[in-house]
């Protein structure tokens, strides 16, 4: 999937609009509802780009792509 610069900026703006400051935990949101929204948004975006995604009970998430037989290369980020 080819993404234009404008689409990338729009996606980043949409993510930044989500209030993901840590808030009181609830049953399915260990760091608050905003954090879950930011995680879900990011994982959905990765899915659109063709990544396989994993949501670790709303504590963390990741996306991977490529051949499982090759060594893993990771980039860690905080939303």
C-alpha atoms as a PDB file:
ATOM      1  CA  UNK A   1       0.000   0.000   0.000  1.00  0.00           C
ATOM      2  CA  UNK A   2       1.475   3.316  -1.057  1.00  0.00           C
ATOM      3  CA  UNK A   3       0.715   6.211   1.284  1.00  0.00           C
ATOM      4  CA  UNK A   4       0.928   9.828   0.237  1.00  0.00           C
ATOM      5  CA  UNK A   5       2.645  12.431   2.379  1.00  0.00           C
ATOM      6  CA  UNK A   6      -0.731  14.088   2.927  1.00  0.00           C
ATOM      7  CA  UNK A   7      -2.281  10.802   4.116  1.00  0.00           C
ATOM      8  CA  UNK A   8       0.619  10.226   6.499  1.00  0.00           C
ATOM      9  CA  UNK A   9       0.234  13.721   7.978  1.00  0.00           C
ATOM     10  CA  UNK A  10      -3.548  13.223   8.323  1.00  0.00           C
ATOM     11  CA  UNK A  11      -3.024   9.903  10.128  1.00  0.00           C
ATOM     12  CA  UNK A  12      -0.514  11.494  12.486  1.00  0.00           C
ATOM     13  CA  UNK A  13      -2.884  14.409  13.166  1.00  0.00           C
ATOM     14  CA  UNK A  14      -5.717  11.989  13.930  1.00  0.00           C
ATOM     15  CA  UNK A  15      -3.503  10.067  16.348  1.00  0.00           C
ATOM     16  CA  UNK A  16      -2.318  13.247  18.079  1.00  0.00           C
ATOM     17  CA  UNK A  17      -5.949  14.320  18.592  1.00  0.00           C
ATOM     18  CA  UNK A  18      -6.526  11.296  20.849  1.00  0.00           C
ATOM     19  CA  UNK A  19      -6.056  12.248  24.492  1.00  0.00           C
ATOM     20  CA  UNK A  20      -3.771   9.409  25.551  1.00  0.00           C
ATOM     21  CA  UNK A  21      -2.540  10.900  28.818  1.00  0.00           C
ATOM     22  CA  UNK A  22      -2.610   8.191  31.470  1.00  0.00           C
ATOM     23  CA  UNK A  23      -5.945   8.093  33.263  1.00  0.00           C
ATOM     24  CA  UNK A  24      -7.484   5.877  35.930  1.00  0.00           C
ATOM     25  CA  UNK A  25      -7.553   2.214  34.962  1.00  0.00           C
ATOM     26  CA  UNK A  26     -10.767   0.442  34.098  1.00  0.00           C
ATOM     27  CA  UNK A  27     -11.376  -3.263  33.503  1.00  0.00           C
ATOM     28  CA  UNK A  28     -10.188  -3.228  29.867  1.00  0.00           C
ATOM     29  CA  UNK A  29      -8.087  -0.071  29.917  1.00  0.00           C
ATOM     30  CA  UNK A  30      -5.121  -0.451  32.266  1.00  0.00           C
ATOM     31  CA  UNK A  31      -3.819   3.041  31.442  1.00  0.00           C
ATOM     32  CA  UNK A  32      -7.165   4.741  30.746  1.00  0.00           C
ATOM     33  CA  UNK A  33      -9.623   4.824  27.875  1.00  0.00           C
ATOM     34  CA  UNK A  34      -7.591   7.290  25.781  1.00  0.00           C
ATOM     35  CA  UNK A  35      -4.626   4.935  25.713  1.00  0.00           C
ATOM     36  CA  UNK A  36      -6.838   2.138  24.394  1.00  0.00           C
ATOM     37  CA  UNK A  37      -8.159   4.441  21.652  1.00  0.00           C
ATOM     38  CA  UNK A  38      -4.618   5.416  20.615  1.00  0.00           C
ATOM     39  CA  UNK A  39      -3.507   1.775  20.620  1.00  0.00           C
ATOM     40  CA  UNK A  40      -6.523   0.644  18.587  1.00  0.00           C
ATOM     41  CA  UNK A  41      -6.056   3.493  16.097  1.00  0.00           C
ATOM     42  CA  UNK A  42      -2.386   2.606  15.630  1.00  0.00           C
ATOM     43  CA  UNK A  43      -3.019  -1.119  15.248  1.00  0.00           C
ATOM     44  CA  UNK A  44      -5.798  -0.471  12.717  1.00  0.00           C
ATOM     45  CA  UNK A  45      -3.435   1.756  10.740  1.00  0.00           C
ATOM     46  CA  UNK A  46      -0.757  -0.944  10.778  1.00  0.00           C
ATOM     47  CA  UNK A  47      -3.357  -3.447   9.523  1.00  0.00           C
ATOM     48  CA  UNK A  48      -4.144  -1.120   6.621  1.00  0.00           C
ATOM     49  CA  UNK A  49      -0.425  -1.119   5.759  1.00  0.00           C
ATOM     50  CA  UNK A  50      -0.381  -4.915   5.680  1.00  0.00           C
ATOM     51  CA  UNK A  51       1.157  -5.644   9.073  1.00  0.00           C
ATOM     52  CA  UNK A  52       0.062  -8.518  11.302  1.00  0.00           C
ATOM     53  CA  UNK A  53      -0.874  -6.946  14.630  1.00  0.00           C
ATOM     54  CA  UNK A  54      -1.099  -8.038  18.218  1.00  0.00           C
ATOM     55  CA  UNK A  55      -2.911  -6.290  21.062  1.00  0.00           C
ATOM     56  CA  UNK A  56      -1.541  -7.445  24.402  1.00  0.00           C
ATOM     57  CA  UNK A  57      -4.692  -6.913  26.505  1.00  0.00           C
ATOM     58  CA  UNK A  58      -4.412  -3.149  25.951  1.00  0.00           C
ATOM     59  CA  UNK A  59      -1.075  -3.049  27.787  1.00  0.00           C
ATOM     60  CA  UNK A  60       0.923  -3.007  24.544  1.00  0.00           C
ATOM     61  CA  UNK A  61       0.623  -3.715  20.864  1.00  0.00           C
ATOM     62  CA  UNK A  62       2.851  -4.365  17.909  1.00  0.00           C
ATOM     63  CA  UNK A  63       2.838  -4.972  14.209  1.00  0.00           C
ATOM     64  CA  UNK A  64       5.095  -7.218  12.205  1.00  0.00           C
ATOM     65  CA  UNK A  65       5.558  -7.834   8.543  1.00  0.00           C
ATOM     66  CA  UNK A  66       7.687 -10.098   6.430  1.00  0.00           C
ATOM     67  CA  UNK A  67       9.010 -13.604   6.643  1.00  0.00           C
ATOM     68  CA  UNK A  68       8.905 -15.389  10.005  1.00  0.00           C
ATOM     69  CA  UNK A  69      12.052 -17.338   9.039  1.00  0.00           C
ATOM     70  CA  UNK A  70      14.200 -14.197   9.107  1.00  0.00           C
ATOM     71  CA  UNK A  71      15.672 -12.566  12.220  1.00  0.00           C
ATOM     72  CA  UNK A  72      13.445 -10.042  13.968  1.00  0.00           C
ATOM     73  CA  UNK A  73      14.349  -6.373  13.809  1.00  0.00           C
ATOM     74  CA  UNK A  74      12.384  -4.191  16.215  1.00  0.00           C
ATOM     75  CA  UNK A  75      11.673  -0.509  16.560  1.00  0.00           C
ATOM     76  CA  UNK A  76      10.163   0.463  19.897  1.00  0.00           C
ATOM     77  CA  UNK A  77       7.983   3.513  20.254  1.00  0.00           C
ATOM     78  CA  UNK A  78       5.703   5.104  22.802  1.00  0.00           C
ATOM     79  CA  UNK A  79       2.390   6.659  21.790  1.00  0.00           C
END
